Amino acid sequence: MIMLKSAYLHSPEGRKRIQNMIQTGQELNDLDQLELGPMRTLLYGAIACACAEVATYPFEVVRRQLQLQVQASKMGALATGVRIVEQGGISALYAGLIPSLLQVSG
């Protein structure tokens, strides 16, 4: 979210907003400069959350597979991940991601 805020504040629209605040005589502290408003905050928060979900989801798939394994044939996390990719390709690590993203955003 910090990267999104920084990109916004360095964009023409963000610079214009800060200039308007200066011209209207509003005192600018660091917190005011980082304030994005409720809609941008929600949007950027949803984007940051979606990015985190996409980055961590394959680990959740491997974790769930590890939990389902029978103790006698238990494999390690790396071996389980390799088996998942061998059986279903890389996309198997992201099976169920869309419903998970909808749950996170809802």
C-alpha atoms as a PDB file:
ATOM      1  CA  MET A   1       0.000   0.000   0.000  1.00  0.00           C
ATOM      2  CA  ILE A   2       2.917   2.318   0.672  1.00  0.00           C
ATOM      3  CA  MET A   3       4.128   1.883  -2.903  1.00  0.00           C
ATOM      4  CA  LEU A   4       0.659   2.765  -4.202  1.00  0.00           C
ATOM      5  CA  LYS A   5       0.503   5.856  -1.979  1.00  0.00           C
ATOM      6  CA  SER A   6       3.931   6.955  -3.117  1.00  0.00           C
ATOM      7  CA  ALA A   7       3.020   6.448  -6.775  1.00  0.00           C
ATOM      8  CA  TYR A   8      -0.144   8.505  -6.287  1.00  0.00           C
ATOM      9  CA  LEU A   9       1.631  11.335  -4.497  1.00  0.00           C
ATOM     10  CA  HIS A  10       4.241  11.519  -7.270  1.00  0.00           C
ATOM     11  CA  SER A  11       1.620  11.410 -10.005  1.00  0.00           C
ATOM     12  CA  PRO A  12       0.375  14.632 -11.635  1.00  0.00           C
ATOM     13  CA  GLU A  13      -2.921  14.306  -9.747  1.00  0.00           C
ATOM     14  CA  GLY A  14      -1.161  13.846  -6.394  1.00  0.00           C
ATOM     15  CA  ARG A  15       1.140  16.801  -6.997  1.00  0.00           C
ATOM     16  CA  LYS A  16      -1.854  18.906  -8.004  1.00  0.00           C
ATOM     17  CA  ARG A  17      -3.627  17.954  -4.769  1.00  0.00           C
ATOM     18  CA  ILE A  18      -0.641  18.968  -2.668  1.00  0.00           C
ATOM     19  CA  GLN A  19      -0.306  22.230  -4.617  1.00  0.00           C
ATOM     20  CA  ASN A  20      -4.000  22.973  -4.010  1.00  0.00           C
ATOM     21  CA  MET A  21      -3.515  22.362  -0.305  1.00  0.00           C
ATOM     22  CA  ILE A  22      -0.559  24.769  -0.280  1.00  0.00           C
ATOM     23  CA  GLN A  23      -2.449  27.421  -2.265  1.00  0.00           C
ATOM     24  CA  THR A  24      -5.459  27.302   0.037  1.00  0.00           C
ATOM     25  CA  GLY A  25      -3.142  27.907   2.978  1.00  0.00           C
ATOM     26  CA  GLN A  26      -3.613  24.510   4.581  1.00  0.00           C
ATOM     27  CA  GLU A  27      -0.723  23.512   6.780  1.00  0.00           C
ATOM     28  CA  LEU A  28       0.858  20.357   5.400  1.00  0.00           C
ATOM     29  CA  ASN A  29       2.271  17.848   7.794  1.00  0.00           C
ATOM     30  CA  ASP A  30       3.489  14.401   6.737  1.00  0.00           C
ATOM     31  CA  LEU A  31       0.194  12.755   7.691  1.00  0.00           C
ATOM     32  CA  ASP A  32      -1.831  15.179   5.534  1.00  0.00           C
ATOM     33  CA  GLN A  33       0.406  14.490   2.556  1.00  0.00           C
ATOM     34  CA  LEU A  34      -0.141  10.745   2.932  1.00  0.00           C
ATOM     35  CA  GLU A  35      -3.931  11.039   3.381  1.00  0.00           C
ATOM     36  CA  LEU A  36      -5.587   9.626   0.290  1.00  0.00           C
ATOM     37  CA  GLY A  37      -9.248   9.896   1.134  1.00  0.00           C
ATOM     38  CA  PRO A  38     -11.623   7.042   1.905  1.00  0.00           C
ATOM     39  CA  MET A  39     -12.176   5.772  -1.646  1.00  0.00           C
ATOM     40  CA  ARG A  40      -8.486   5.641  -2.572  1.00  0.00           C
ATOM     41  CA  THR A  41      -7.650   4.096   0.793  1.00  0.00           C
ATOM     42  CA  LEU A  42     -10.206   1.320   0.234  1.00  0.00           C
ATOM     43  CA  LEU A  43      -9.083   0.759  -3.351  1.00  0.00           C
ATOM     44  CA  TYR A  44      -5.383   0.696  -2.532  1.00  0.00           C
ATOM     45  CA  GLY A  45      -6.016  -1.526   0.477  1.00  0.00           C
ATOM     46  CA  ALA A  46      -7.938  -3.995  -1.698  1.00  0.00           C
ATOM     47  CA  ILE A  47      -5.136  -4.024  -4.274  1.00  0.00           C
ATOM     48  CA  ALA A  48      -2.495  -4.576  -1.581  1.00  0.00           C
ATOM     49  CA  CYS A  49      -4.568  -7.379  -0.052  1.00  0.00           C
ATOM     50  CA  ALA A  50      -5.040  -9.042  -3.444  1.00  0.00           C
ATOM     51  CA  CYS A  51      -1.289  -8.882  -4.100  1.00  0.00           C
ATOM     52  CA  ALA A  52      -0.573 -10.473  -0.722  1.00  0.00           C
ATOM     53  CA  GLU A  53      -3.139 -13.206  -1.409  1.00  0.00           C
ATOM     54  CA  VAL A  54      -1.636 -14.000  -4.826  1.00  0.00           C
ATOM     55  CA  ALA A  55       1.874 -14.129  -3.337  1.00  0.00           C
ATOM     56  CA  THR A  56       0.992 -16.426  -0.429  1.00  0.00           C
ATOM     57  CA  TYR A  57      -1.704 -18.617  -1.983  1.00  0.00           C
ATOM     58  CA  PRO A  58       0.656 -21.342  -3.337  1.00  0.00           C
ATOM     59  CA  PHE A  59       2.003 -21.831   0.197  1.00  0.00           C
ATOM     60  CA  GLU A  60      -1.561 -22.282   1.463  1.00  0.00           C
ATOM     61  CA  VAL A  61      -2.205 -24.932  -1.206  1.00  0.00           C
ATOM     62  CA  VAL A  62       0.937 -26.823  -0.144  1.00  0.00           C
ATOM     63  CA  ARG A  63      -0.014 -26.463   3.540  1.00  0.00           C
ATOM     64  CA  ARG A  64      -3.483 -27.895   2.879  1.00  0.00           C
ATOM     65  CA  GLN A  65      -1.993 -30.824   0.965  1.00  0.00           C
ATOM     66  CA  LEU A  66       0.410 -31.495   3.830  1.00  0.00           C
ATOM     67  CA  GLN A  67      -2.504 -31.559   6.276  1.00  0.00           C
ATOM     68  CA  LEU A  68      -4.362 -34.093   4.132  1.00  0.00           C
ATOM     69  CA  GLN A  69      -1.442 -36.529   3.895  1.00  0.00           C
ATOM     70  CA  VAL A  70      -1.542 -39.749   5.852  1.00  0.00           C
ATOM     71  CA  GLN A  71       1.177 -39.901   8.504  1.00  0.00           C
ATOM     72  CA  ALA A  72       2.752 -43.053   7.003  1.00  0.00           C
ATOM     73  CA  SER A  73       3.341 -41.431   3.607  1.00  0.00           C
ATOM     74  CA  LYS A  74       4.047 -37.892   4.790  1.00  0.00           C
ATOM     75  CA  MET A  75       6.294 -35.859   2.467  1.00  0.00           C
ATOM     76  CA  GLY A  76       8.051 -32.567   3.149  1.00  0.00           C
ATOM     77  CA  ALA A  77       6.740 -29.205   1.988  1.00  0.00           C
ATOM     78  CA  LEU A  78       9.113 -28.945  -0.965  1.00  0.00           C
ATOM     79  CA  ALA A  79       8.360 -32.470  -2.162  1.00  0.00           C
ATOM     80  CA  THR A  80       4.640 -31.804  -1.798  1.00  0.00           C
ATOM     81  CA  GLY A  81       4.948 -28.593  -3.830  1.00  0.00           C
ATOM     82  CA  VAL A  82       6.891 -30.400  -6.559  1.00  0.00           C
ATOM     83  CA  ARG A  83       4.280 -33.183  -6.656  1.00  0.00           C
ATOM     84  CA  ILE A  84       1.462 -30.633  -6.997  1.00  0.00           C
ATOM     85  CA  VAL A  85       3.246 -28.948  -9.929  1.00  0.00           C
ATOM     86  CA  GLU A  86       4.067 -32.297 -11.566  1.00  0.00           C
ATOM     87  CA  GLN A  87       0.448 -33.441 -11.358  1.00  0.00           C
ATOM     88  CA  GLY A  88      -1.335 -30.221 -12.303  1.00  0.00           C
ATOM     89  CA  GLY A  89       1.230 -27.710 -13.493  1.00  0.00           C
ATOM     90  CA  ILE A  90       1.913 -24.311 -11.979  1.00  0.00           C
ATOM     91  CA  SER A  91      -1.774 -23.461 -12.225  1.00  0.00           C
ATOM     92  CA  ALA A  92      -2.481 -26.162  -9.621  1.00  0.00           C
ATOM     93  CA  LEU A  93      -0.774 -23.939  -7.042  1.00  0.00           C
ATOM     94  CA  TYR A  94      -3.419 -21.298  -7.764  1.00  0.00           C
ATOM     95  CA  ALA A  95      -6.472 -23.577  -7.877  1.00  0.00           C
ATOM     96  CA  GLY A  96      -9.219 -21.789  -5.947  1.00  0.00           C
ATOM     97  CA  LEU A  97      -7.509 -18.401  -5.961  1.00  0.00           C
ATOM     98  CA  ILE A  98     -10.454 -16.490  -7.476  1.00  0.00           C
ATOM     99  CA  PRO A  99     -12.954 -17.533  -4.770  1.00  0.00           C
ATOM    100  CA  SER A 100     -10.323 -16.713  -2.157  1.00  0.00           C
ATOM    101  CA  LEU A 101      -9.817 -13.248  -3.666  1.00  0.00           C
ATOM    102  CA  LEU A 102     -13.553 -12.669  -3.679  1.00  0.00           C
ATOM    103  CA  GLN A 103     -13.744 -13.696  -0.027  1.00  0.00           C
ATOM    104  CA  VAL A 104     -10.890 -11.361   0.924  1.00  0.00           C
ATOM    105  CA  SER A 105     -12.353  -8.407  -0.959  1.00  0.00           C
ATOM    106  CA  GLY A 106     -15.860  -8.989   0.387  1.00  0.00           C
END
